[in-house]
Amino acid sequence: MPLAPPAGADLPAGLSPALPGVLDPVALARLYGEPMFAMPRDLYIPPDALKVFLEAFEGPLDLLLYLIRKQNFNILDIPMAALTRQYLAYVDEIRATNLELAAEYLLMAAMLIEIKSRMLLPPRKVEGQEAEDPRAELVRRLLEYEQIKLAAHRLNTVPQFGRDFLCAQVPMDSAAPPRLPDVSMADLQDAWNGLIKRAKLVQHHVISREELSVREHMSIVLRRLQGRKFLEFEELFDVARGVPVLVVTFIALLELAKECLLEITQAESFAPIYVRLAYTPA
């Protein structure tokens, strides 16, 4: 026995009270959980508002592959009669609802019928070659489509952004003052040590310019040789005054030898080298 609705409760037009969860056999549908026994008079349903698809296929090849796998047919030896019969039954169903969608399926149906007709005819034999199977091209397309479909399924299992995971976003108040990190004594010590290490790597070398005259040192060499028979080569150089003076003294010695004012002699190989004034006869 149905229960009466609560006092003051309003029901939509065309609805009558009934037990919740119990659908009357003659009710057309349910609206907000209540059975509807008559269609509303002001209700308009467009022709394409409701579409029912028992199986969803991406195209004729998808349908053929579904029928082959469902019936456990050998894809390399397809029974064309049974496959064509099942395929045409599906095409007849979709032609009644969507003729534009059925056009592509009708093209495949014509191809299946052509293959079946060619199988009924005697094969054309060519010398040295076997007769071509009319199903070969269809089998090749089905195998390629199956490989692509499996690859697409594997790609679909890869986690995708927006479907399987989202990037975490944390809202931040821009008006809040930034909080700077605290600096400890250890941080200051590390910074100072690093600065000292960098200072040691950067060194400046100051070169001081010292004016040295080759002519002056030529006079010094001549004065030292004056009144002496000879001097050993090393005695002409003052090592304590540094490398620049040694270089200028050596250049002065070469200039004097070039002008034939000095003679540089050696008694034998690896013997000491001696320097003396050039002999000029009176």
C-alpha atoms as a PDB file:
ATOM      1  CA  MET A   1       0.000   0.000   0.000  1.00  0.00           C
ATOM      2  CA  PRO A   2       1.595   3.340  -1.048  1.00  0.00           C
ATOM      3  CA  LEU A   3       2.338   5.850   1.635  1.00  0.00           C
ATOM      4  CA  ALA A   4       0.888   9.354   1.511  1.00  0.00           C
ATOM      5  CA  PRO A   5       3.385  12.190   0.905  1.00  0.00           C
ATOM      6  CA  PRO A   6       4.219  14.535   3.749  1.00  0.00           C
ATOM      7  CA  ALA A   7       1.848  17.380   4.392  1.00  0.00           C
ATOM      8  CA  GLY A   8       2.618  20.412   2.227  1.00  0.00           C
ATOM      9  CA  ALA A   9       4.849  18.461  -0.185  1.00  0.00           C
ATOM     10  CA  ASP A  10       4.381  19.413  -3.852  1.00  0.00           C
ATOM     11  CA  LEU A  11       4.936  16.840  -6.624  1.00  0.00           C
ATOM     12  CA  PRO A  12       5.760  17.694 -10.241  1.00  0.00           C
ATOM     13  CA  ALA A  13       2.903  17.574 -12.733  1.00  0.00           C
ATOM     14  CA  GLY A  14       2.163  14.059 -13.969  1.00  0.00           C
ATOM     15  CA  LEU A  15       3.669  12.362 -10.897  1.00  0.00           C
ATOM     16  CA  SER A  16       1.876  10.397  -8.240  1.00  0.00           C
ATOM     17  CA  PRO A  17       3.179   9.294  -4.876  1.00  0.00           C
ATOM     18  CA  ALA A  18       4.778   5.837  -4.629  1.00  0.00           C
ATOM     19  CA  LEU A  19       7.106   3.881  -2.410  1.00  0.00           C
ATOM     20  CA  PRO A  20      10.749   5.034  -2.755  1.00  0.00           C
ATOM     21  CA  GLY A  21      12.916   2.518  -4.509  1.00  0.00           C
ATOM     22  CA  VAL A  22       9.962   0.589  -6.050  1.00  0.00           C
ATOM     23  CA  LEU A  23       9.415   1.151  -9.769  1.00  0.00           C
ATOM     24  CA  ASP A  24       5.906   0.452 -11.044  1.00  0.00           C
ATOM     25  CA  PRO A  25       5.898  -1.876 -14.092  1.00  0.00           C
ATOM     26  CA  VAL A  26       3.816   0.590 -16.119  1.00  0.00           C
ATOM     27  CA  ALA A  27       5.867   3.694 -15.224  1.00  0.00           C
ATOM     28  CA  LEU A  28       7.660   5.319 -18.169  1.00  0.00           C
ATOM     29  CA  ALA A  29      10.632   6.670 -16.219  1.00  0.00           C
ATOM     30  CA  ARG A  30      11.735   8.183 -12.933  1.00  0.00           C
ATOM     31  CA  LEU A  31      12.056  11.879 -12.251  1.00  0.00           C
ATOM     32  CA  TYR A  32      13.861  12.885  -9.039  1.00  0.00           C
ATOM     33  CA  GLY A  33      13.372   9.353  -7.745  1.00  0.00           C
ATOM     34  CA  GLU A  34       9.632   9.264  -8.395  1.00  0.00           C
ATOM     35  CA  PRO A  35       7.954   7.139 -11.140  1.00  0.00           C
ATOM     36  CA  MET A  36       6.471   8.961 -14.158  1.00  0.00           C
ATOM     37  CA  PHE A  37       3.338   7.383 -15.610  1.00  0.00           C
ATOM     38  CA  ALA A  38       2.631   9.873 -18.415  1.00  0.00           C
ATOM     39  CA  MET A  39       4.719  12.029 -20.707  1.00  0.00           C
ATOM     40  CA  PRO A  40       4.484  15.774 -19.977  1.00  0.00           C
ATOM     41  CA  ARG A  41       2.452  17.570 -22.631  1.00  0.00           C
ATOM     42  CA  ASP A  42       4.921  20.455 -22.982  1.00  0.00           C
ATOM     43  CA  LEU A  43       8.019  18.224 -23.249  1.00  0.00           C
ATOM     44  CA  TYR A  44       9.980  18.407 -26.528  1.00  0.00           C
ATOM     45  CA  ILE A  45      12.627  15.786 -27.294  1.00  0.00           C
ATOM     46  CA  PRO A  46      14.854  16.456 -30.332  1.00  0.00           C
ATOM     47  CA  PRO A  47      15.193  13.559 -32.769  1.00  0.00           C
ATOM     48  CA  ASP A  48      18.932  13.074 -32.047  1.00  0.00           C
ATOM     49  CA  ALA A  49      18.666  13.594 -28.290  1.00  0.00           C
ATOM     50  CA  LEU A  50      18.999   9.890 -27.483  1.00  0.00           C
ATOM     51  CA  LYS A  51      21.480   7.550 -29.164  1.00  0.00           C
ATOM     52  CA  VAL A  52      22.134   3.991 -28.068  1.00  0.00           C
ATOM     53  CA  PHE A  53      25.242   2.124 -29.206  1.00  0.00           C
ATOM     54  CA  LEU A  54      25.618  -1.480 -28.142  1.00  0.00           C
ATOM     55  CA  GLU A  55      29.280  -1.523 -29.118  1.00  0.00           C
ATOM     56  CA  ALA A  56      31.508   1.452 -29.890  1.00  0.00           C
ATOM     57  CA  PHE A  57      33.851   0.982 -32.867  1.00  0.00           C
ATOM     58  CA  GLU A  58      36.391   3.349 -34.339  1.00  0.00           C
ATOM     59  CA  GLY A  59      35.716   2.245 -37.904  1.00  0.00           C
ATOM     60  CA  PRO A  60      35.159  -0.756 -40.184  1.00  0.00           C
ATOM     61  CA  LEU A  61      38.530  -2.325 -39.402  1.00  0.00           C
ATOM     62  CA  ASP A  62      37.805  -2.077 -35.692  1.00  0.00           C
ATOM     63  CA  LEU A  63      34.467  -3.836 -36.205  1.00  0.00           C
ATOM     64  CA  LEU A  64      36.048  -6.596 -38.325  1.00  0.00           C
ATOM     65  CA  LEU A  65      38.778  -7.159 -35.749  1.00  0.00           C
ATOM     66  CA  TYR A  66      36.147  -7.325 -32.993  1.00  0.00           C
ATOM     67  CA  LEU A  67      34.103  -9.933 -34.869  1.00  0.00           C
ATOM     68  CA  ILE A  68      37.210 -12.034 -35.650  1.00  0.00           C
ATOM     69  CA  ARG A  69      38.417 -12.020 -32.032  1.00  0.00           C
ATOM     70  CA  LYS A  70      34.918 -12.619 -30.647  1.00  0.00           C
ATOM     71  CA  GLN A  71      34.376 -15.724 -32.822  1.00  0.00           C
ATOM     72  CA  ASN A  72      37.998 -16.918 -32.379  1.00  0.00           C
ATOM     73  CA  PHE A  73      38.560 -16.891 -36.124  1.00  0.00           C
ATOM     74  CA  ASN A  74      42.071 -17.413 -37.469  1.00  0.00           C
ATOM     75  CA  ILE A  75      42.998 -14.040 -38.905  1.00  0.00           C
ATOM     76  CA  LEU A  76      45.186 -15.743 -41.517  1.00  0.00           C
ATOM     77  CA  ASP A  77      42.294 -17.978 -42.639  1.00  0.00           C
ATOM     78  CA  ILE A  78      39.151 -15.882 -42.269  1.00  0.00           C
ATOM     79  CA  PRO A  79      35.818 -17.586 -43.049  1.00  0.00           C
ATOM     80  CA  MET A  80      34.487 -14.834 -45.279  1.00  0.00           C
ATOM     81  CA  ALA A  81      30.876 -16.079 -45.352  1.00  0.00           C
ATOM     82  CA  ALA A  82      30.361 -15.995 -41.576  1.00  0.00           C
ATOM     83  CA  LEU A  83      32.303 -12.755 -41.167  1.00  0.00           C
ATOM     84  CA  THR A  84      30.415 -10.988 -43.941  1.00  0.00           C
ATOM     85  CA  ARG A  85      27.059 -12.138 -42.542  1.00  0.00           C
ATOM     86  CA  GLN A  86      27.810 -10.794 -39.051  1.00  0.00           C
ATOM     87  CA  TYR A  87      29.248  -7.585 -40.459  1.00  0.00           C
ATOM     88  CA  LEU A  88      26.173  -6.883 -42.613  1.00  0.00           C
ATOM     89  CA  ALA A  89      23.913  -7.494 -39.619  1.00  0.00           C
ATOM     90  CA  TYR A  90      25.688  -4.737 -37.712  1.00  0.00           C
ATOM     91  CA  VAL A  91      25.604  -2.399 -40.727  1.00  0.00           C
ATOM     92  CA  ASP A  92      21.840  -2.884 -41.049  1.00  0.00           C
ATOM     93  CA  GLU A  93      21.444  -1.730 -37.444  1.00  0.00           C
ATOM     94  CA  ILE A  94      23.389   1.499 -37.855  1.00  0.00           C
ATOM     95  CA  ARG A  95      21.806   2.321 -41.238  1.00  0.00           C
ATOM     96  CA  ALA A  96      18.468   2.729 -39.521  1.00  0.00           C
ATOM     97  CA  THR A  97      19.770   5.423 -37.185  1.00  0.00           C
ATOM     98  CA  ASN A  98      22.683   7.155 -38.903  1.00  0.00           C
ATOM     99  CA  LEU A  99      23.078   6.787 -42.636  1.00  0.00           C
ATOM    100  CA  GLU A 100      26.113   9.100 -42.735  1.00  0.00           C
ATOM    101  CA  LEU A 101      27.960   6.910 -40.242  1.00  0.00           C
ATOM    102  CA  ALA A 102      27.010   3.778 -42.159  1.00  0.00           C
ATOM    103  CA  ALA A 103      28.548   4.985 -45.450  1.00  0.00           C
ATOM    104  CA  GLU A 104      32.091   4.022 -44.431  1.00  0.00           C
ATOM    105  CA  TYR A 105      30.876   0.652 -43.166  1.00  0.00           C
ATOM    106  CA  LEU A 106      28.994   0.036 -46.412  1.00  0.00           C
ATOM    107  CA  LEU A 107      32.225   0.543 -48.352  1.00  0.00           C
ATOM    108  CA  MET A 108      33.901  -2.178 -46.279  1.00  0.00           C
ATOM    109  CA  ALA A 109      30.839  -4.409 -46.756  1.00  0.00           C
ATOM    110  CA  ALA A 110      31.223  -4.072 -50.526  1.00  0.00           C
ATOM    111  CA  MET A 111      34.893  -5.046 -50.200  1.00  0.00           C
ATOM    112  CA  LEU A 112      33.963  -8.146 -48.153  1.00  0.00           C
ATOM    113  CA  ILE A 113      31.410  -9.195 -50.741  1.00  0.00           C
ATOM    114  CA  GLU A 114      33.974  -8.702 -53.505  1.00  0.00           C
ATOM    115  CA  ILE A 115      36.502 -10.859 -51.641  1.00  0.00           C
ATOM    116  CA  LYS A 116      33.881 -13.551 -51.105  1.00  0.00           C
ATOM    117  CA  SER A 117      32.985 -13.473 -54.807  1.00  0.00           C
ATOM    118  CA  ARG A 118      36.646 -13.781 -55.848  1.00  0.00           C
ATOM    119  CA  MET A 119      37.044 -16.785 -53.553  1.00  0.00           C
ATOM    120  CA  LEU A 120      34.166 -18.540 -55.330  1.00  0.00           C
ATOM    121  CA  LEU A 121      35.840 -18.096 -58.718  1.00  0.00           C
ATOM    122  CA  PRO A 122      38.678 -20.412 -59.792  1.00  0.00           C
ATOM    123  CA  PRO A 123      42.061 -18.842 -58.950  1.00  0.00           C
ATOM    124  CA  ARG A 124      44.243 -17.401 -61.665  1.00  0.00           C
ATOM    125  CA  LYS A 125      47.438 -19.414 -61.870  1.00  0.00           C
ATOM    126  CA  VAL A 126      50.699 -17.897 -63.033  1.00  0.00           C
ATOM    127  CA  GLU A 127      53.650 -20.047 -64.041  1.00  0.00           C
ATOM    128  CA  GLY A 128      56.127 -20.409 -61.203  1.00  0.00           C
ATOM    129  CA  GLN A 129      53.905 -18.555 -58.698  1.00  0.00           C
ATOM    130  CA  GLU A 130      51.112 -19.544 -56.365  1.00  0.00           C
ATOM    131  CA  ALA A 131      47.654 -18.082 -56.796  1.00  0.00           C
ATOM    132  CA  GLU A 132      47.142 -14.917 -54.761  1.00  0.00           C
ATOM    133  CA  ASP A 133      44.718 -15.192 -51.855  1.00  0.00           C
ATOM    134  CA  PRO A 134      41.941 -12.550 -52.202  1.00  0.00           C
ATOM    135  CA  ARG A 135      42.029 -12.118 -48.411  1.00  0.00           C
ATOM    136  CA  ALA A 136      45.734 -11.188 -48.289  1.00  0.00           C
ATOM    137  CA  GLU A 137      45.262  -7.400 -48.499  1.00  0.00           C
ATOM    138  CA  LEU A 138      42.490  -7.452 -45.865  1.00  0.00           C
ATOM    139  CA  VAL A 139      44.611  -9.586 -43.520  1.00  0.00           C
ATOM    140  CA  ARG A 140      47.539  -7.201 -43.896  1.00  0.00           C
ATOM    141  CA  ARG A 141      45.384  -4.187 -43.013  1.00  0.00           C
ATOM    142  CA  LEU A 142      43.857  -5.967 -40.036  1.00  0.00           C
ATOM    143  CA  LEU A 143      47.255  -6.968 -38.633  1.00  0.00           C
ATOM    144  CA  GLU A 144      48.613  -3.437 -39.006  1.00  0.00           C
ATOM    145  CA  TYR A 145      45.505  -1.972 -37.372  1.00  0.00           C
ATOM    146  CA  GLU A 146      45.774  -4.395 -34.461  1.00  0.00           C
ATOM    147  CA  GLN A 147      49.407  -3.437 -33.850  1.00  0.00           C
ATOM    148  CA  ILE A 148      48.530   0.272 -33.841  1.00  0.00           C
ATOM    149  CA  LYS A 149      45.572  -0.338 -31.536  1.00  0.00           C
ATOM    150  CA  LEU A 150      47.720  -2.257 -29.034  1.00  0.00           C
ATOM    151  CA  ALA A 151      50.380   0.474 -29.122  1.00  0.00           C
ATOM    152  CA  ALA A 152      47.705   3.114 -28.487  1.00  0.00           C
ATOM    153  CA  HIS A 153      46.411   1.075 -25.544  1.00  0.00           C
ATOM    154  CA  ARG A 154      49.913   0.896 -24.039  1.00  0.00           C
ATOM    155  CA  LEU A 155      50.306   4.649 -24.455  1.00  0.00           C
ATOM    156  CA  ASN A 156      46.960   5.183 -22.777  1.00  0.00           C
ATOM    157  CA  THR A 157      48.167   3.289 -19.708  1.00  0.00           C
ATOM    158  CA  VAL A 158      50.992   5.818 -19.211  1.00  0.00           C
ATOM    159  CA  PRO A 159      50.011   8.341 -16.498  1.00  0.00           C
ATOM    160  CA  GLN A 160      48.817  11.579 -18.077  1.00  0.00           C
ATOM    161  CA  PHE A 161      48.695  15.060 -16.637  1.00  0.00           C
ATOM    162  CA  GLY A 162      45.142  16.118 -15.907  1.00  0.00           C
ATOM    163  CA  ARG A 163      43.790  12.584 -16.012  1.00  0.00           C
ATOM    164  CA  ASP A 164      45.900  10.560 -13.589  1.00  0.00           C
ATOM    165  CA  PHE A 165      47.768  13.256 -11.682  1.00  0.00           C
ATOM    166  CA  LEU A 166      47.775  16.999 -11.148  1.00  0.00           C
ATOM    167  CA  CYS A 167      50.488  19.465 -10.222  1.00  0.00           C
ATOM    168  CA  ALA A 168      50.194  20.660  -6.655  1.00  0.00           C
ATOM    169  CA  GLN A 169      49.510  24.369  -6.376  1.00  0.00           C
ATOM    170  CA  VAL A 170      49.792  26.263  -3.119  1.00  0.00           C
ATOM    171  CA  PRO A 171      48.228  29.729  -3.011  1.00  0.00           C
ATOM    172  CA  MET A 172      50.451  32.373  -1.448  1.00  0.00           C
ATOM    173  CA  ASP A 173      49.431  35.714  -0.042  1.00  0.00           C
ATOM    174  CA  SER A 174      51.416  38.361  -1.915  1.00  0.00           C
ATOM    175  CA  ALA A 175      50.677  40.947   0.771  1.00  0.00           C
ATOM    176  CA  ALA A 176      52.537  38.995   3.439  1.00  0.00           C
ATOM    177  CA  PRO A 177      56.059  40.356   4.073  1.00  0.00           C
ATOM    178  CA  PRO A 178      58.853  38.010   3.000  1.00  0.00           C
ATOM    179  CA  ARG A 179      60.554  36.189   5.839  1.00  0.00           C
ATOM    180  CA  LEU A 180      64.323  36.214   5.488  1.00  0.00           C
ATOM    181  CA  PRO A 181      66.332  33.297   6.864  1.00  0.00           C
ATOM    182  CA  ASP A 182      68.327  33.751  10.063  1.00  0.00           C
ATOM    183  CA  VAL A 183      72.139  33.959   9.794  1.00  0.00           C
ATOM    184  CA  SER A 184      74.171  32.136  12.435  1.00  0.00           C
ATOM    185  CA  MET A 185      77.773  32.626  13.508  1.00  0.00           C
ATOM    186  CA  ALA A 186      78.774  29.463  11.649  1.00  0.00           C
ATOM    187  CA  ASP A 187      77.370  30.901   8.411  1.00  0.00           C
ATOM    188  CA  LEU A 188      79.369  34.120   8.896  1.00  0.00           C
ATOM    189  CA  GLN A 189      82.520  32.118   9.590  1.00  0.00           C
ATOM    190  CA  ASP A 190      82.092  30.043   6.422  1.00  0.00           C
ATOM    191  CA  ALA A 191      81.513  33.180   4.361  1.00  0.00           C
ATOM    192  CA  TRP A 192      84.652  34.823   5.793  1.00  0.00           C
ATOM    193  CA  ASN A 193      86.803  31.727   5.124  1.00  0.00           C
ATOM    194  CA  GLY A 194      85.588  31.625   1.555  1.00  0.00           C
ATOM    195  CA  LEU A 195      86.463  35.300   1.106  1.00  0.00           C
ATOM    196  CA  ILE A 196      89.989  34.721   2.421  1.00  0.00           C
ATOM    197  CA  LYS A 197      90.506  31.811   0.021  1.00  0.00           C
ATOM    198  CA  ARG A 198      89.406  33.944  -2.920  1.00  0.00           C
ATOM    199  CA  ALA A 199      91.743  36.758  -1.836  1.00  0.00           C
ATOM    200  CA  LYS A 200      94.701  34.361  -1.825  1.00  0.00           C
ATOM    201  CA  LEU A 201      93.951  33.293  -5.366  1.00  0.00           C
ATOM    202  CA  VAL A 202      94.012  36.879  -6.638  1.00  0.00           C
ATOM    203  CA  GLN A 203      97.560  38.315  -6.382  1.00  0.00           C
ATOM    204  CA  HIS A 204      98.967  41.424  -8.005  1.00  0.00           C
ATOM    205  CA  HIS A 205     102.531  41.626  -9.325  1.00  0.00           C
ATOM    206  CA  VAL A 206     103.911  45.143  -9.576  1.00  0.00           C
ATOM    207  CA  ILE A 207     106.748  45.639 -12.054  1.00  0.00           C
ATOM    208  CA  SER A 208     108.979  48.608 -11.287  1.00  0.00           C
ATOM    209  CA  ARG A 209     110.798  50.208 -14.169  1.00  0.00           C
ATOM    210  CA  GLU A 210     114.541  50.709 -13.790  1.00  0.00           C
ATOM    211  CA  GLU A 211     116.471  52.680 -16.357  1.00  0.00           C
ATOM    212  CA  LEU A 212     119.627  50.807 -17.387  1.00  0.00           C
ATOM    213  CA  SER A 213     122.002  52.139 -20.037  1.00  0.00           C
ATOM    214  CA  VAL A 214     123.902  49.751 -22.287  1.00  0.00           C
ATOM    215  CA  ARG A 215     126.487  52.477 -23.050  1.00  0.00           C
ATOM    216  CA  GLU A 216     127.092  53.050 -19.364  1.00  0.00           C
ATOM    217  CA  HIS A 217     127.762  49.377 -18.766  1.00  0.00           C
ATOM    218  CA  MET A 218     130.052  49.263 -21.790  1.00  0.00           C
ATOM    219  CA  SER A 219     132.157  51.931 -20.059  1.00  0.00           C
ATOM    220  CA  ILE A 220     132.099  49.947 -16.802  1.00  0.00           C
ATOM    221  CA  VAL A 221     133.393  46.827 -18.569  1.00  0.00           C
ATOM    222  CA  LEU A 222     136.196  48.771 -20.271  1.00  0.00           C
ATOM    223  CA  ARG A 223     137.222  50.375 -16.963  1.00  0.00           C
ATOM    224  CA  ARG A 224     137.395  46.990 -15.258  1.00  0.00           C
ATOM    225  CA  LEU A 225     139.596  45.611 -18.031  1.00  0.00           C
ATOM    226  CA  GLN A 226     141.836  48.677 -18.058  1.00  0.00           C
ATOM    227  CA  GLY A 227     145.310  47.804 -16.868  1.00  0.00           C
ATOM    228  CA  ARG A 228     144.669  44.048 -16.757  1.00  0.00           C
ATOM    229  CA  LYS A 229     145.731  41.388 -19.161  1.00  0.00           C
ATOM    230  CA  PHE A 230     142.408  39.531 -18.965  1.00  0.00           C
ATOM    231  CA  LEU A 231     139.460  38.754 -16.710  1.00  0.00           C
ATOM    232  CA  GLU A 232     137.404  35.609 -16.426  1.00  0.00           C
ATOM    233  CA  PHE A 233     134.008  35.936 -18.068  1.00  0.00           C
ATOM    234  CA  GLU A 234     132.051  35.502 -14.811  1.00  0.00           C
ATOM    235  CA  GLU A 235     134.035  38.229 -13.009  1.00  0.00           C
ATOM    236  CA  LEU A 236     132.501  40.885 -15.259  1.00  0.00           C
ATOM    237  CA  PHE A 237     128.981  40.268 -13.851  1.00  0.00           C
ATOM    238  CA  ASP A 238     127.607  41.452 -10.512  1.00  0.00           C
ATOM    239  CA  VAL A 239     125.116  38.753  -9.495  1.00  0.00           C
ATOM    240  CA  ALA A 240     123.975  40.658  -6.407  1.00  0.00           C
ATOM    241  CA  ARG A 241     122.429  43.446  -8.492  1.00  0.00           C
ATOM    242  CA  GLY A 242     119.839  41.142 -10.054  1.00  0.00           C
ATOM    243  CA  VAL A 243     118.882  39.741 -13.432  1.00  0.00           C
ATOM    244  CA  PRO A 244     118.215  43.071 -15.207  1.00  0.00           C
ATOM    245  CA  VAL A 245     121.794  44.258 -14.574  1.00  0.00           C
ATOM    246  CA  LEU A 246     123.180  40.913 -15.739  1.00  0.00           C
ATOM    247  CA  VAL A 247     121.226  41.150 -18.984  1.00  0.00           C
ATOM    248  CA  VAL A 248     122.380  44.706 -19.706  1.00  0.00           C
ATOM    249  CA  THR A 249     126.016  43.807 -18.875  1.00  0.00           C
ATOM    250  CA  PHE A 250     125.884  40.864 -21.260  1.00  0.00           C
ATOM    251  CA  ILE A 251     124.454  43.065 -24.032  1.00  0.00           C
ATOM    252  CA  ALA A 252     127.244  45.616 -23.357  1.00  0.00           C
ATOM    253  CA  LEU A 253     129.826  42.834 -23.656  1.00  0.00           C
ATOM    254  CA  LEU A 254     128.399  41.761 -26.993  1.00  0.00           C
ATOM    255  CA  GLU A 255     128.366  45.310 -28.294  1.00  0.00           C
ATOM    256  CA  LEU A 256     132.068  45.770 -27.332  1.00  0.00           C
ATOM    257  CA  ALA A 257     132.976  42.503 -29.078  1.00  0.00           C
ATOM    258  CA  LYS A 258     131.037  43.637 -32.135  1.00  0.00           C
ATOM    259  CA  GLU A 259     132.992  46.893 -32.234  1.00  0.00           C
ATOM    260  CA  CYS A 260     136.261  44.905 -31.868  1.00  0.00           C
ATOM    261  CA  LEU A 261     137.090  46.542 -28.534  1.00  0.00           C
ATOM    262  CA  LEU A 262     137.180  43.193 -26.716  1.00  0.00           C
ATOM    263  CA  GLU A 263     138.566  39.768 -27.394  1.00  0.00           C
ATOM    264  CA  ILE A 264     136.877  36.687 -25.968  1.00  0.00           C
ATOM    265  CA  THR A 265     139.186  33.671 -25.890  1.00  0.00           C
ATOM    266  CA  GLN A 266     139.207  30.091 -24.662  1.00  0.00           C
ATOM    267  CA  ALA A 267     142.240  27.793 -24.437  1.00  0.00           C
ATOM    268  CA  GLU A 268     140.352  24.580 -25.242  1.00  0.00           C
ATOM    269  CA  SER A 269     136.895  23.090 -25.247  1.00  0.00           C
ATOM    270  CA  PHE A 270     135.045  23.408 -21.952  1.00  0.00           C
ATOM    271  CA  ALA A 271     137.873  25.583 -20.606  1.00  0.00           C
ATOM    272  CA  PRO A 272     137.146  28.883 -18.808  1.00  0.00           C
ATOM    273  CA  ILE A 273     136.297  31.844 -21.024  1.00  0.00           C
ATOM    274  CA  TYR A 274     138.488  34.952 -20.717  1.00  0.00           C
ATOM    275  CA  VAL A 275     137.861  38.531 -21.791  1.00  0.00           C
ATOM    276  CA  ARG A 276     140.569  41.102 -22.513  1.00  0.00           C
ATOM    277  CA  LEU A 277     140.962  44.371 -24.309  1.00  0.00           C
ATOM    278  CA  ALA A 278     141.654  44.126 -27.989  1.00  0.00           C
ATOM    279  CA  TYR A 279     145.368  44.487 -28.780  1.00  0.00           C
ATOM    280  CA  THR A 280     146.134  47.462 -30.917  1.00  0.00           C
ATOM    281  CA  PRO A 281     149.778  47.929 -32.027  1.00  0.00           C
ATOM    282  CA  ALA A 282     151.371  51.262 -31.281  1.00  0.00           C
END
